[in-house]
Amino acid sequence: MRKIILLSFLSLGLNSAFAQSAPYWQQHVDYKMEVSMDVKNYQYKGKQELVYTNNSPDTLKKVFYHLFSNAFQPGSEMDARLHSIKDPDGRMVNKVKGADGKETKQSRIETLKPNEIGFLKITNFKQDGVTAQTRISGTIMEVTLAKPILPNSKTTFTLDFDGQVPVQIRRSGRNSSEGVEFSMTQWYPKLAEFDFEGWHADPYIAREFHGVWGNFDVKITMDKEYTIGASGYLQDKNTIGHGYEDAGVTVVYPKKTKTLTWHFIAPMVHDFAWAADKDYTHDIVK
């Protein structure tokens, strides 16, 4: 019995020592994105450059991206989940009467039309200028890298993307119940987290998010009538106006101006969210 107890304490001590000696690390991302909004059709086109820093002790041969908007399509895994669980989120279902006259719950995603769904389509994916192989399954894009990412090294990913803003089912989407026209969260191709447990490339089925911390440099071009609120700090406030301008500054747009390009920088966050509406008012309180 003594030997067993001693061995147990020895094992615990060794495990503790190894745990303390393993240095902490986390991955890092630097995003640059430019997106142009088609407010009439609730669609957008974008370009993304992502510098990925591999601070892990592992060599990475693949990476994974989340394409969250693809969940808002009939037949998606999130739609299937709403059909299979007993207590679905009330925002995501409608109460209807079945053939037997009994009340049942119908997935709102199931009823979305092609011009109401969400989607993200990826083209022209490259790693350091070299085309890499991509495979999309639902809300996850798997990328087989053109070259491995060694520990403590960086690589640059570039891609083009086309998106459609879905009718709001949960958080992100168009024309919310509060009257906000554009509520944009998880709207772009988002690199999945890699940590000591490995890749967190879980399909999106209306659960919480796990993202990589980093810096976002984002430019959004849309009709000048819209006021945008976003993560981070507006860089061109005295050109944009909309209540962001400094006291005493009068912003005058050229007569032919139809759109404005809003430039935001958000340091050390794990997502970039924004919202836009024609009726938004931005006030500065000091």
C-alpha atoms as a PDB file:
ATOM      1  CA  MET A   1       0.000   0.000   0.000  1.00  0.00           C
ATOM      2  CA  ARG A   2       2.859   2.372   0.873  1.00  0.00           C
ATOM      3  CA  LYS A   3       4.471   1.727  -2.497  1.00  0.00           C
ATOM      4  CA  ILE A   4       1.230   2.514  -4.315  1.00  0.00           C
ATOM      5  CA  ILE A   5       0.809   5.797  -2.420  1.00  0.00           C
ATOM      6  CA  LEU A   6       4.431   6.793  -3.036  1.00  0.00           C
ATOM      7  CA  LEU A   7       4.164   5.994  -6.728  1.00  0.00           C
ATOM      8  CA  SER A   8       0.954   8.040  -6.968  1.00  0.00           C
ATOM      9  CA  PHE A   9       2.599  11.073  -5.371  1.00  0.00           C
ATOM     10  CA  LEU A  10       5.640  10.644  -7.621  1.00  0.00           C
ATOM     11  CA  SER A  11       3.423  10.502 -10.698  1.00  0.00           C
ATOM     12  CA  LEU A  12       1.531  13.629  -9.630  1.00  0.00           C
ATOM     13  CA  GLY A  13       4.789  15.446  -8.969  1.00  0.00           C
ATOM     14  CA  LEU A  14       6.216  14.573 -12.373  1.00  0.00           C
ATOM     15  CA  ASN A  15       3.015  15.602 -14.154  1.00  0.00           C
ATOM     16  CA  SER A  16       3.013  18.903 -12.273  1.00  0.00           C
ATOM     17  CA  ALA A  17       6.664  19.522 -13.134  1.00  0.00           C
ATOM     18  CA  PHE A  18       6.083  18.834 -16.836  1.00  0.00           C
ATOM     19  CA  ALA A  19       2.998  21.075 -16.840  1.00  0.00           C
ATOM     20  CA  GLN A  20       4.932  23.934 -15.268  1.00  0.00           C
ATOM     21  CA  SER A  21       7.847  23.554 -17.674  1.00  0.00           C
ATOM     22  CA  ALA A  22       5.673  23.690 -20.830  1.00  0.00           C
ATOM     23  CA  PRO A  23       5.721  27.332 -22.013  1.00  0.00           C
ATOM     24  CA  TYR A  24       2.409  29.031 -22.741  1.00  0.00           C
ATOM     25  CA  TRP A  25       1.724  30.004 -26.335  1.00  0.00           C
ATOM     26  CA  GLN A  26      -1.129  31.195 -28.508  1.00  0.00           C
ATOM     27  CA  GLN A  27      -1.479  31.864 -32.207  1.00  0.00           C
ATOM     28  CA  HIS A  28      -1.707  35.356 -33.686  1.00  0.00           C
ATOM     29  CA  VAL A  29      -3.461  36.835 -36.727  1.00  0.00           C
ATOM     30  CA  ASP A  30      -3.250  40.130 -38.587  1.00  0.00           C
ATOM     31  CA  TYR A  31      -6.219  40.669 -40.915  1.00  0.00           C
ATOM     32  CA  LYS A  32      -6.547  43.217 -43.701  1.00  0.00           C
ATOM     33  CA  MET A  33      -9.908  43.257 -45.448  1.00  0.00           C
ATOM     34  CA  GLU A  34     -11.626  45.427 -48.034  1.00  0.00           C
ATOM     35  CA  VAL A  35     -15.322  44.838 -48.625  1.00  0.00           C
ATOM     36  CA  SER A  36     -17.851  46.489 -50.931  1.00  0.00           C
ATOM     37  CA  MET A  37     -21.540  46.264 -50.037  1.00  0.00           C
ATOM     38  CA  ASP A  38     -24.437  45.877 -52.476  1.00  0.00           C
ATOM     39  CA  VAL A  39     -27.171  47.122 -50.148  1.00  0.00           C
ATOM     40  CA  LYS A  40     -29.974  46.453 -52.631  1.00  0.00           C
ATOM     41  CA  ASN A  41     -29.279  42.711 -52.838  1.00  0.00           C
ATOM     42  CA  TYR A  42     -27.710  42.323 -49.372  1.00  0.00           C
ATOM     43  CA  GLN A  43     -24.547  40.970 -50.933  1.00  0.00           C
ATOM     44  CA  TYR A  44     -20.888  41.900 -50.683  1.00  0.00           C
ATOM     45  CA  LYS A  45     -17.517  41.257 -52.261  1.00  0.00           C
ATOM     46  CA  GLY A  46     -14.273  41.272 -50.347  1.00  0.00           C
ATOM     47  CA  LYS A  47     -10.551  40.705 -50.381  1.00  0.00           C
ATOM     48  CA  GLN A  48      -8.654  39.387 -47.393  1.00  0.00           C
ATOM     49  CA  GLU A  49      -4.981  39.273 -46.489  1.00  0.00           C
ATOM     50  CA  LEU A  50      -4.115  37.390 -43.324  1.00  0.00           C
ATOM     51  CA  VAL A  51      -0.662  37.134 -41.768  1.00  0.00           C
ATOM     52  CA  TYR A  52      -0.677  34.051 -39.540  1.00  0.00           C
ATOM     53  CA  THR A  53       1.954  33.635 -36.836  1.00  0.00           C
ATOM     54  CA  ASN A  54       2.504  30.064 -35.686  1.00  0.00           C
ATOM     55  CA  ASN A  55       3.662  30.389 -32.081  1.00  0.00           C
ATOM     56  CA  SER A  56       3.032  26.697 -31.425  1.00  0.00           C
ATOM     57  CA  PRO A  57       5.715  23.984 -31.209  1.00  0.00           C
ATOM     58  CA  ASP A  58       3.975  22.161 -34.080  1.00  0.00           C
ATOM     59  CA  THR A  59       4.519  22.199 -37.832  1.00  0.00           C
ATOM     60  CA  LEU A  60       1.185  22.896 -39.540  1.00  0.00           C
ATOM     61  CA  LYS A  61       0.384  21.284 -42.880  1.00  0.00           C
ATOM     62  CA  LYS A  62      -3.258  22.352 -42.941  1.00  0.00           C
ATOM     63  CA  VAL A  63      -5.361  25.233 -41.681  1.00  0.00           C
ATOM     64  CA  PHE A  64      -9.121  25.610 -41.314  1.00  0.00           C
ATOM     65  CA  TYR A  65     -11.491  28.524 -41.835  1.00  0.00           C
ATOM     66  CA  HIS A  66     -14.997  29.122 -40.523  1.00  0.00           C
ATOM     67  CA  LEU A  67     -17.615  30.179 -43.081  1.00  0.00           C
ATOM     68  CA  PHE A  68     -20.376  30.865 -40.578  1.00  0.00           C
ATOM     69  CA  SER A  69     -22.870  32.342 -43.040  1.00  0.00           C
ATOM     70  CA  ASN A  70     -23.239  28.966 -44.772  1.00  0.00           C
ATOM     71  CA  ALA A  71     -25.165  27.724 -41.727  1.00  0.00           C
ATOM     72  CA  PHE A  72     -28.142  29.824 -42.787  1.00  0.00           C
ATOM     73  CA  GLN A  73     -29.195  27.590 -45.659  1.00  0.00           C
ATOM     74  CA  PRO A  74     -31.910  24.911 -45.849  1.00  0.00           C
ATOM     75  CA  GLY A  75     -30.340  21.516 -45.215  1.00  0.00           C
ATOM     76  CA  SER A  76     -27.352  22.870 -43.274  1.00  0.00           C
ATOM     77  CA  GLU A  77     -26.134  21.155 -40.112  1.00  0.00           C
ATOM     78  CA  MET A  78     -27.678  23.947 -38.037  1.00  0.00           C
ATOM     79  CA  ASP A  79     -30.992  23.472 -39.845  1.00  0.00           C
ATOM     80  CA  ALA A  80     -30.802  19.717 -39.205  1.00  0.00           C
ATOM     81  CA  ARG A  81     -30.101  20.322 -35.518  1.00  0.00           C
ATOM     82  CA  LEU A  82     -33.205  22.487 -35.189  1.00  0.00           C
ATOM     83  CA  HIS A  83     -35.239  19.547 -36.486  1.00  0.00           C
ATOM     84  CA  SER A  84     -33.689  17.055 -34.078  1.00  0.00           C
ATOM     85  CA  ILE A  85     -33.614  18.779 -30.658  1.00  0.00           C
ATOM     86  CA  LYS A  86     -36.599  19.142 -28.327  1.00  0.00           C
ATOM     87  CA  ASP A  87     -35.902  22.696 -27.163  1.00  0.00           C
ATOM     88  CA  PRO A  88     -34.625  24.752 -30.139  1.00  0.00           C
ATOM     89  CA  ASP A  89     -33.830  28.447 -29.753  1.00  0.00           C
ATOM     90  CA  GLY A  90     -37.158  30.263 -30.019  1.00  0.00           C
ATOM     91  CA  ARG A  91     -35.651  32.865 -32.358  1.00  0.00           C
ATOM     92  CA  MET A  92     -34.833  30.166 -34.880  1.00  0.00           C
ATOM     93  CA  VAL A  93     -38.192  28.396 -35.198  1.00  0.00           C
ATOM     94  CA  ASN A  94     -41.796  29.180 -36.094  1.00  0.00           C
ATOM     95  CA  LYS A  95     -44.786  27.574 -34.420  1.00  0.00           C
ATOM     96  CA  VAL A  96     -46.971  25.804 -36.980  1.00  0.00           C
ATOM     97  CA  LYS A  97     -49.754  23.220 -36.947  1.00  0.00           C
ATOM     98  CA  GLY A  98     -48.963  19.767 -38.253  1.00  0.00           C
ATOM     99  CA  ALA A  99     -51.194  17.524 -40.361  1.00  0.00           C
ATOM    100  CA  ASP A 100     -52.668  16.128 -37.138  1.00  0.00           C
ATOM    101  CA  GLY A 101     -53.621  19.609 -35.958  1.00  0.00           C
ATOM    102  CA  LYS A 102     -51.031  19.638 -33.200  1.00  0.00           C
ATOM    103  CA  GLU A 103     -48.658  22.552 -32.764  1.00  0.00           C
ATOM    104  CA  THR A 104     -45.098  21.858 -33.838  1.00  0.00           C
ATOM    105  CA  LYS A 105     -41.935  23.866 -34.430  1.00  0.00           C
ATOM    106  CA  GLN A 106     -40.525  24.560 -37.876  1.00  0.00           C
ATOM    107  CA  SER A 107     -36.972  25.669 -38.526  1.00  0.00           C
ATOM    108  CA  ARG A 108     -36.884  29.219 -39.904  1.00  0.00           C
ATOM    109  CA  ILE A 109     -33.770  28.261 -41.854  1.00  0.00           C
ATOM    110  CA  GLU A 110     -35.781  25.605 -43.681  1.00  0.00           C
ATOM    111  CA  THR A 111     -38.065  28.267 -45.156  1.00  0.00           C
ATOM    112  CA  LEU A 112     -35.371  30.658 -46.440  1.00  0.00           C
ATOM    113  CA  LYS A 113     -35.491  31.470 -50.154  1.00  0.00           C
ATOM    114  CA  PRO A 114     -32.315  31.706 -52.294  1.00  0.00           C
ATOM    115  CA  ASN A 115     -32.252  35.499 -51.946  1.00  0.00           C
ATOM    116  CA  GLU A 116     -32.683  35.223 -48.147  1.00  0.00           C
ATOM    117  CA  ILE A 117     -30.029  32.659 -47.249  1.00  0.00           C
ATOM    118  CA  GLY A 118     -26.524  33.425 -46.062  1.00  0.00           C
ATOM    119  CA  PHE A 119     -23.442  32.283 -47.912  1.00  0.00           C
ATOM    120  CA  LEU A 120     -19.694  32.752 -48.196  1.00  0.00           C
ATOM    121  CA  LYS A 121     -17.930  31.696 -51.389  1.00  0.00           C
ATOM    122  CA  ILE A 122     -14.133  31.618 -51.536  1.00  0.00           C
ATOM    123  CA  THR A 123     -11.939  32.005 -54.618  1.00  0.00           C
ATOM    124  CA  ASN A 124      -8.284  32.614 -55.424  1.00  0.00           C
ATOM    125  CA  PHE A 125      -6.848  31.275 -52.148  1.00  0.00           C
ATOM    126  CA  LYS A 126      -3.072  31.612 -51.995  1.00  0.00           C
ATOM    127  CA  GLN A 127      -0.324  31.078 -49.452  1.00  0.00           C
ATOM    128  CA  ASP A 128       2.619  33.430 -49.935  1.00  0.00           C
ATOM    129  CA  GLY A 129       1.500  33.915 -53.538  1.00  0.00           C
ATOM    130  CA  VAL A 130       1.161  30.192 -54.305  1.00  0.00           C
ATOM    131  CA  THR A 131      -2.250  28.596 -54.897  1.00  0.00           C
ATOM    132  CA  ALA A 132      -3.296  26.229 -52.102  1.00  0.00           C
ATOM    133  CA  GLN A 133      -5.887  23.454 -52.261  1.00  0.00           C
ATOM    134  CA  THR A 134      -9.209  24.175 -50.517  1.00  0.00           C
ATOM    135  CA  ARG A 135     -12.161  21.955 -49.675  1.00  0.00           C
ATOM    136  CA  ILE A 136     -15.420  23.343 -48.291  1.00  0.00           C
ATOM    137  CA  SER A 137     -17.905  21.303 -46.290  1.00  0.00           C
ATOM    138  CA  GLY A 138     -20.764  23.355 -44.892  1.00  0.00           C
ATOM    139  CA  THR A 139     -19.343  26.013 -42.586  1.00  0.00           C
ATOM    140  CA  ILE A 140     -15.743  24.732 -42.647  1.00  0.00           C
ATOM    141  CA  MET A 141     -13.055  25.254 -45.268  1.00  0.00           C
ATOM    142  CA  GLU A 142     -10.028  22.950 -45.070  1.00  0.00           C
ATOM    143  CA  VAL A 143      -6.841  24.230 -46.671  1.00  0.00           C
ATOM    144  CA  THR A 144      -3.964  21.927 -47.618  1.00  0.00           C
ATOM    145  CA  LEU A 145      -1.022  24.282 -47.485  1.00  0.00           C
ATOM    146  CA  ALA A 146       1.387  24.899 -50.336  1.00  0.00           C
ATOM    147  CA  LYS A 147       4.168  24.645 -47.753  1.00  0.00           C
ATOM    148  CA  PRO A 148       4.148  23.722 -44.046  1.00  0.00           C
ATOM    149  CA  ILE A 149       4.184  26.475 -41.435  1.00  0.00           C
ATOM    150  CA  LEU A 150       7.118  25.814 -39.126  1.00  0.00           C
ATOM    151  CA  PRO A 151       7.049  26.636 -35.404  1.00  0.00           C
ATOM    152  CA  ASN A 152       7.703  30.320 -34.644  1.00  0.00           C
ATOM    153  CA  SER A 153       7.236  31.388 -38.266  1.00  0.00           C
ATOM    154  CA  LYS A 154       4.768  33.449 -40.288  1.00  0.00           C
ATOM    155  CA  THR A 155       2.904  32.980 -43.534  1.00  0.00           C
ATOM    156  CA  THR A 156       0.494  35.140 -45.533  1.00  0.00           C
ATOM    157  CA  PHE A 157      -2.870  33.945 -46.852  1.00  0.00           C
ATOM    158  CA  THR A 158      -4.841  35.887 -49.464  1.00  0.00           C
ATOM    159  CA  LEU A 159      -8.310  35.178 -50.825  1.00  0.00           C
ATOM    160  CA  ASP A 160     -11.360  36.726 -52.454  1.00  0.00           C
ATOM    161  CA  PHE A 161     -14.826  36.180 -51.049  1.00  0.00           C
ATOM    162  CA  ASP A 162     -18.456  36.765 -52.008  1.00  0.00           C
ATOM    163  CA  GLY A 163     -21.118  36.851 -49.341  1.00  0.00           C
ATOM    164  CA  GLN A 164     -24.817  37.276 -48.819  1.00  0.00           C
ATOM    165  CA  VAL A 165     -26.309  38.620 -45.595  1.00  0.00           C
ATOM    166  CA  PRO A 166     -29.075  36.255 -44.442  1.00  0.00           C
ATOM    167  CA  VAL A 167     -32.440  37.252 -43.089  1.00  0.00           C
ATOM    168  CA  GLN A 168     -31.657  37.554 -39.398  1.00  0.00           C
ATOM    169  CA  ILE A 169     -32.298  34.235 -37.688  1.00  0.00           C
ATOM    170  CA  ARG A 170     -30.080  34.635 -34.650  1.00  0.00           C
ATOM    171  CA  ARG A 171     -27.471  37.379 -34.180  1.00  0.00           C
ATOM    172  CA  SER A 172     -26.037  38.288 -37.546  1.00  0.00           C
ATOM    173  CA  GLY A 173     -28.209  39.193 -40.496  1.00  0.00           C
ATOM    174  CA  ARG A 174     -30.411  41.770 -42.182  1.00  0.00           C
ATOM    175  CA  ASN A 175     -33.418  43.679 -40.889  1.00  0.00           C
ATOM    176  CA  SER A 176     -33.378  42.637 -37.247  1.00  0.00           C
ATOM    177  CA  SER A 177     -36.416  42.776 -34.979  1.00  0.00           C
ATOM    178  CA  GLU A 178     -34.889  45.969 -33.531  1.00  0.00           C
ATOM    179  CA  GLY A 179     -34.999  47.555 -36.980  1.00  0.00           C
ATOM    180  CA  VAL A 180     -31.270  47.424 -37.759  1.00  0.00           C
ATOM    181  CA  GLU A 181     -30.684  46.811 -41.454  1.00  0.00           C
ATOM    182  CA  PHE A 182     -27.205  45.248 -41.235  1.00  0.00           C
ATOM    183  CA  SER A 183     -25.978  43.337 -38.153  1.00  0.00           C
ATOM    184  CA  MET A 184     -22.643  41.870 -39.203  1.00  0.00           C
ATOM    185  CA  THR A 185     -20.939  39.336 -36.949  1.00  0.00           C
ATOM    186  CA  GLN A 186     -18.898  36.333 -38.098  1.00  0.00           C
ATOM    187  CA  TRP A 187     -19.466  37.649 -41.627  1.00  0.00           C
ATOM    188  CA  TYR A 188     -16.040  37.004 -43.199  1.00  0.00           C
ATOM    189  CA  PRO A 189     -13.802  33.938 -43.746  1.00  0.00           C
ATOM    190  CA  LYS A 190     -12.420  33.474 -40.226  1.00  0.00           C
ATOM    191  CA  LEU A 191      -9.363  31.370 -39.430  1.00  0.00           C
ATOM    192  CA  ALA A 192     -10.077  28.663 -36.864  1.00  0.00           C
ATOM    193  CA  GLU A 193      -8.248  28.507 -33.555  1.00  0.00           C
ATOM    194  CA  PHE A 194      -5.323  26.128 -33.051  1.00  0.00           C
ATOM    195  CA  ASP A 195      -4.177  25.597 -29.467  1.00  0.00           C
ATOM    196  CA  PHE A 196      -2.752  22.870 -27.221  1.00  0.00           C
ATOM    197  CA  GLU A 197      -5.851  20.774 -27.932  1.00  0.00           C
ATOM    198  CA  GLY A 198      -5.398  21.046 -31.706  1.00  0.00           C
ATOM    199  CA  TRP A 199      -7.709  22.609 -34.292  1.00  0.00           C
ATOM    200  CA  HIS A 200     -11.123  23.911 -33.236  1.00  0.00           C
ATOM    201  CA  ALA A 201     -12.765  23.470 -36.617  1.00  0.00           C
ATOM    202  CA  ASP A 202     -16.244  22.622 -35.390  1.00  0.00           C
ATOM    203  CA  PRO A 203     -19.205  23.100 -37.752  1.00  0.00           C
ATOM    204  CA  TYR A 204     -21.390  26.026 -36.720  1.00  0.00           C
ATOM    205  CA  ILE A 205     -24.673  24.837 -35.212  1.00  0.00           C
ATOM    206  CA  ALA A 206     -25.543  27.919 -33.104  1.00  0.00           C
ATOM    207  CA  ARG A 207     -22.956  27.501 -30.404  1.00  0.00           C
ATOM    208  CA  GLU A 208     -20.402  29.967 -29.026  1.00  0.00           C
ATOM    209  CA  PHE A 209     -17.325  31.093 -30.941  1.00  0.00           C
ATOM    210  CA  HIS A 210     -13.632  30.430 -30.351  1.00  0.00           C
ATOM    211  CA  GLY A 211     -11.305  32.715 -32.284  1.00  0.00           C
ATOM    212  CA  VAL A 212      -7.672  33.698 -32.699  1.00  0.00           C
ATOM    213  CA  TRP A 213      -6.601  36.979 -31.113  1.00  0.00           C
ATOM    214  CA  GLY A 214      -5.106  39.553 -33.428  1.00  0.00           C
ATOM    215  CA  ASN A 215      -5.364  42.851 -35.248  1.00  0.00           C
ATOM    216  CA  PHE A 216      -7.977  43.865 -37.822  1.00  0.00           C
ATOM    217  CA  ASP A 217      -7.574  46.526 -40.508  1.00  0.00           C
ATOM    218  CA  VAL A 218     -10.912  46.746 -42.322  1.00  0.00           C
ATOM    219  CA  LYS A 219     -12.302  49.025 -45.050  1.00  0.00           C
ATOM    220  CA  ILE A 220     -16.040  48.938 -45.758  1.00  0.00           C
ATOM    221  CA  THR A 221     -17.498  50.679 -48.809  1.00  0.00           C
ATOM    222  CA  MET A 222     -21.253  51.262 -48.869  1.00  0.00           C
ATOM    223  CA  ASP A 223     -23.879  53.841 -49.791  1.00  0.00           C
ATOM    224  CA  LYS A 224     -23.171  57.190 -48.136  1.00  0.00           C
ATOM    225  CA  GLU A 225     -26.602  57.303 -46.434  1.00  0.00           C
ATOM    226  CA  TYR A 226     -25.597  54.567 -43.985  1.00  0.00           C
ATOM    227  CA  THR A 227     -23.920  55.181 -40.634  1.00  0.00           C
ATOM    228  CA  ILE A 228     -21.621  52.389 -39.454  1.00  0.00           C
ATOM    229  CA  GLY A 229     -20.658  51.339 -35.950  1.00  0.00           C
ATOM    230  CA  ALA A 230     -17.839  48.805 -35.720  1.00  0.00           C
ATOM    231  CA  SER A 231     -15.132  47.193 -33.636  1.00  0.00           C
ATOM    232  CA  GLY A 232     -12.054  49.342 -33.148  1.00  0.00           C
ATOM    233  CA  TYR A 233     -11.403  52.916 -34.173  1.00  0.00           C
ATOM    234  CA  LEU A 234     -12.495  54.869 -37.249  1.00  0.00           C
ATOM    235  CA  GLN A 235      -9.394  56.192 -39.012  1.00  0.00           C
ATOM    236  CA  ASP A 236     -10.879  58.779 -41.376  1.00  0.00           C
ATOM    237  CA  LYS A 237     -13.502  60.434 -39.186  1.00  0.00           C
ATOM    238  CA  ASN A 238     -13.059  63.940 -40.602  1.00  0.00           C
ATOM    239  CA  THR A 239     -13.627  62.611 -44.110  1.00  0.00           C
ATOM    240  CA  ILE A 240     -16.534  60.344 -43.192  1.00  0.00           C
ATOM    241  CA  GLY A 241     -18.452  62.626 -40.838  1.00  0.00           C
ATOM    242  CA  HIS A 242     -21.731  61.012 -39.730  1.00  0.00           C
ATOM    243  CA  GLY A 243     -21.136  62.414 -36.230  1.00  0.00           C
ATOM    244  CA  TYR A 244     -17.616  60.987 -35.897  1.00  0.00           C
ATOM    245  CA  GLU A 245     -15.872  64.207 -36.974  1.00  0.00           C
ATOM    246  CA  ASP A 246     -13.963  66.413 -34.546  1.00  0.00           C
ATOM    247  CA  ALA A 247     -15.718  69.386 -32.969  1.00  0.00           C
ATOM    248  CA  GLY A 248     -15.766  72.345 -35.323  1.00  0.00           C
ATOM    249  CA  VAL A 249     -15.147  70.257 -38.445  1.00  0.00           C
ATOM    250  CA  THR A 250     -17.710  70.439 -41.247  1.00  0.00           C
ATOM    251  CA  VAL A 251     -17.625  67.480 -43.620  1.00  0.00           C
ATOM    252  CA  VAL A 252     -18.692  68.193 -47.194  1.00  0.00           C
ATOM    253  CA  TYR A 253     -18.825  65.397 -49.772  1.00  0.00           C
ATOM    254  CA  PRO A 254     -18.203  66.019 -53.471  1.00  0.00           C
ATOM    255  CA  LYS A 255     -21.523  66.223 -55.363  1.00  0.00           C
ATOM    256  CA  LYS A 256     -20.961  62.944 -57.218  1.00  0.00           C
ATOM    257  CA  THR A 257     -20.252  60.968 -54.040  1.00  0.00           C
ATOM    258  CA  LYS A 258     -22.476  57.888 -53.868  1.00  0.00           C
ATOM    259  CA  THR A 259     -20.499  55.694 -51.486  1.00  0.00           C
ATOM    260  CA  LEU A 260     -18.111  56.151 -48.579  1.00  0.00           C
ATOM    261  CA  THR A 261     -15.239  53.910 -47.543  1.00  0.00           C
ATOM    262  CA  TRP A 262     -15.040  53.516 -43.775  1.00  0.00           C
ATOM    263  CA  HIS A 263     -11.636  52.492 -42.428  1.00  0.00           C
ATOM    264  CA  PHE A 264     -11.507  50.812 -39.009  1.00  0.00           C
ATOM    265  CA  ILE A 265      -8.553  49.432 -37.059  1.00  0.00           C
ATOM    266  CA  ALA A 266      -9.268  47.067 -34.158  1.00  0.00           C
ATOM    267  CA  PRO A 267      -6.189  45.961 -32.177  1.00  0.00           C
ATOM    268  CA  MET A 268      -6.013  42.676 -30.273  1.00  0.00           C
ATOM    269  CA  VAL A 269      -9.545  41.344 -30.616  1.00  0.00           C
ATOM    270  CA  HIS A 270     -10.797  37.939 -31.766  1.00  0.00           C
ATOM    271  CA  ASP A 271     -13.513  39.153 -34.123  1.00  0.00           C
ATOM    272  CA  PHE A 272     -14.510  42.201 -36.128  1.00  0.00           C
ATOM    273  CA  ALA A 273     -18.204  43.055 -35.908  1.00  0.00           C
ATOM    274  CA  TRP A 274     -20.118  45.957 -37.387  1.00  0.00           C
ATOM    275  CA  ALA A 275     -23.622  47.252 -37.932  1.00  0.00           C
ATOM    276  CA  ALA A 276     -25.095  49.803 -40.319  1.00  0.00           C
ATOM    277  CA  ASP A 277     -28.387  51.586 -40.758  1.00  0.00           C
ATOM    278  CA  LYS A 278     -29.654  54.763 -42.408  1.00  0.00           C
ATOM    279  CA  ASP A 279     -31.289  55.839 -39.142  1.00  0.00           C
ATOM    280  CA  TYR A 280     -28.226  55.411 -36.932  1.00  0.00           C
ATOM    281  CA  THR A 281     -26.987  58.535 -35.159  1.00  0.00           C
ATOM    282  CA  HIS A 282     -23.455  58.778 -33.788  1.00  0.00           C
ATOM    283  CA  ASP A 283     -22.993  61.096 -30.809  1.00  0.00           C
ATOM    284  CA  ILE A 284     -19.773  61.958 -28.989  1.00  0.00           C
ATOM    285  CA  VAL A 285     -20.122  62.484 -25.236  1.00  0.00           C
ATOM    286  CA  LYS A 286     -17.203  63.826 -23.209  1.00  0.00           C
END
